[in-house]
């Protein structure tokens, strides 16, 4: 996400990144620490450290944005994975009539139909397709 953020900035886009990504960028945590904690204990520690409601923060980001980009890469053995938090953000964007971009194709998951229903714009890694 950090690399994609930098690339989008060179295209003139203003990006708002998730809380944990911002903390990694600020070197408050390493990616390895974050992934290890998530794997072993979930994200409760990071939500508590945030001292804010990150779900509501993301809603406000989306409300004040033109679009969202779901960076759906392989995870948990699923190609182009989209997790619960991102699914919620996609739902927020959809009801707020925002453009929804997927970095990769729609994954085959239990909520594939819902992902298709929001009619995302699939960019297949080509950030030039974000308008």
Protein backbone atom coordinates (compact mmCIF):
# COMPACT_ATOMS: atom_id res chain seq x y z
CA UNK A 1 0.00 0.00 0.00
CA UNK A 2 2.85 2.36 0.77
CA UNK A 3 4.36 1.89 -2.70
CA UNK A 4 0.97 2.28 -4.39
CA UNK A 5 0.35 5.44 -2.36
CA UNK A 6 3.62 6.92 -3.63
CA UNK A 7 2.75 6.04 -7.22
CA UNK A 8 -0.73 7.55 -6.91
CA UNK A 9 0.74 10.78 -5.52
CA UNK A 10 2.92 11.08 -8.64
CA UNK A 11 -0.33 10.91 -10.66
CA UNK A 12 -1.71 13.84 -8.64
CA UNK A 13 -4.00 11.85 -6.35
CA UNK A 14 -4.39 12.53 -2.65
CA UNK A 15 -4.57 9.30 -0.67
CA UNK A 16 -5.78 8.47 2.79
CA UNK A 17 -4.23 5.33 4.17
CA UNK A 18 -5.42 2.96 6.88
CA UNK A 19 -4.30 3.64 10.44
CA UNK A 20 -1.87 0.72 10.67
CA UNK A 21 -0.29 1.58 7.32
CA UNK A 22 0.29 5.14 8.53
CA UNK A 23 1.92 3.79 11.71
CA UNK A 24 4.23 1.58 9.66
CA UNK A 25 5.13 4.53 7.41
CA UNK A 26 5.92 6.57 10.54
CA UNK A 27 8.08 3.68 11.78
CA UNK A 28 5.96 3.20 14.90
CA UNK A 29 5.64 -0.50 13.97
CA UNK A 30 7.27 -2.71 11.40
CA UNK A 31 5.23 -4.62 8.87
CA UNK A 32 6.57 -7.84 10.39
CA UNK A 33 5.39 -6.85 13.89
CA UNK A 34 1.97 -5.99 12.53
CA UNK A 35 1.59 -9.22 10.54
CA UNK A 36 2.81 -11.32 13.48
CA UNK A 37 0.35 -9.67 15.88
CA UNK A 38 -2.55 -10.05 13.43
CA UNK A 39 -1.72 -13.71 12.83
CA UNK A 40 -1.48 -14.54 16.54
CA UNK A 41 -4.02 -12.20 18.17
CA UNK A 42 -6.05 -10.34 15.55
CA UNK A 43 -6.03 -6.55 15.31
CA UNK A 44 -7.46 -5.73 18.76
CA UNK A 45 -4.11 -4.36 20.00
CA UNK A 46 -3.85 -1.96 17.06
CA UNK A 47 -7.45 -0.81 17.38
CA UNK A 48 -6.89 -0.09 21.08
CA UNK A 49 -3.63 1.75 20.37
CA UNK A 50 -5.41 3.91 17.82
CA UNK A 51 -7.55 5.51 20.51
CA UNK A 52 -10.10 6.21 17.80
CA UNK A 53 -12.75 4.33 15.94
CA UNK A 54 -10.90 3.36 12.77
CA UNK A 55 -14.08 2.15 11.07
CA UNK A 56 -15.70 5.58 11.51
CA UNK A 57 -12.43 7.24 10.48
CA UNK A 58 -12.46 5.28 7.22
CA UNK A 59 -16.11 6.14 6.65
CA UNK A 60 -15.24 9.84 6.95
CA UNK A 61 -12.29 9.38 4.58
CA UNK A 62 -14.58 7.75 2.04
CA UNK A 63 -17.33 10.32 2.49
CA UNK A 64 -14.83 13.08 1.69
CA UNK A 65 -13.20 11.28 -1.25
CA UNK A 66 -13.99 10.81 -4.91
CA UNK A 67 -13.18 7.10 -4.97
CA UNK A 68 -11.64 4.16 -3.16
CA UNK A 69 -9.02 1.70 -4.30
CA UNK A 70 -9.23 -1.79 -2.81
CA UNK A 71 -5.70 -3.18 -2.98
CA UNK A 72 -6.73 -6.81 -3.24
CA UNK A 73 -3.63 -8.95 -3.32
CA UNK A 74 -3.22 -12.63 -2.45
CA UNK A 75 -3.71 -13.41 1.24
CA UNK A 76 -4.75 -16.37 3.37
CA UNK A 77 -4.40 -18.67 0.36
CA UNK A 78 -7.00 -16.65 -1.59
CA UNK A 79 -6.10 -14.94 -4.86
CA UNK A 80 -6.99 -11.20 -4.82
CA UNK A 81 -8.32 -11.44 -1.25
CA UNK A 82 -10.71 -8.84 0.15
CA UNK A 83 -11.17 -8.97 3.91
CA UNK A 84 -13.97 -7.85 6.17
CA UNK A 85 -12.75 -4.29 6.76
CA UNK A 86 -12.31 -3.63 3.06
CA UNK A 87 -15.68 -5.19 2.32
CA UNK A 88 -17.25 -2.68 4.73
CA UNK A 89 -15.37 0.18 3.09
CA UNK A 90 -16.57 -0.97 -0.33
CA UNK A 91 -20.11 -0.93 1.04
CA UNK A 92 -19.63 2.60 2.40
CA UNK A 93 -18.29 3.78 -0.96
CA UNK A 94 -21.15 2.13 -2.81
CA UNK A 95 -23.94 3.75 -0.78
CA UNK A 96 -22.10 7.09 -0.97
CA UNK A 97 -22.00 6.80 -4.80
CA UNK A 98 -18.19 6.82 -4.94
CA UNK A 99 -16.14 5.18 -7.64
CA UNK A 100 -14.82 1.81 -6.54
CA UNK A 101 -11.56 0.53 -8.00
CA UNK A 102 -10.10 -2.93 -7.44
CA UNK A 103 -6.37 -3.31 -7.93
CA UNK A 104 -6.88 -6.88 -9.16
CA UNK A 105 -9.78 -9.04 -10.36
CA UNK A 106 -12.69 -9.87 -8.07
CA UNK A 107 -11.76 -12.80 -5.80
CA UNK A 108 -13.69 -16.03 -5.51
CA UNK A 109 -14.98 -15.82 -1.93
CA UNK A 110 -18.21 -16.32 -0.04
CA UNK A 111 -19.21 -12.73 -0.87
CA UNK A 112 -18.13 -12.64 -4.53
CA UNK A 113 -21.69 -11.81 -5.61
CA UNK A 114 -21.74 -8.75 -3.36
CA UNK A 115 -18.38 -7.60 -4.74
CA UNK A 116 -19.70 -7.93 -8.29
CA UNK A 117 -22.89 -6.07 -7.37
CA UNK A 118 -21.01 -2.83 -6.59
CA UNK A 119 -19.65 -2.85 -10.16
CA UNK A 120 -16.03 -2.08 -9.33
CA UNK A 121 -13.61 -0.79 -11.93
CA UNK A 122 -10.87 -3.41 -12.24
CA UNK A 123 -7.52 -1.79 -13.01
CA UNK A 124 -5.31 -4.92 -12.97
CA UNK A 125 -2.45 -3.00 -11.36
CA UNK A 126 -2.58 -0.10 -13.86
CA UNK A 127 -2.86 3.02 -11.71
CA UNK A 128 -3.26 5.14 -14.86
CA UNK A 129 -6.83 3.80 -15.06
CA UNK A 130 -7.80 5.74 -11.93
CA UNK A 131 -9.55 8.91 -13.01
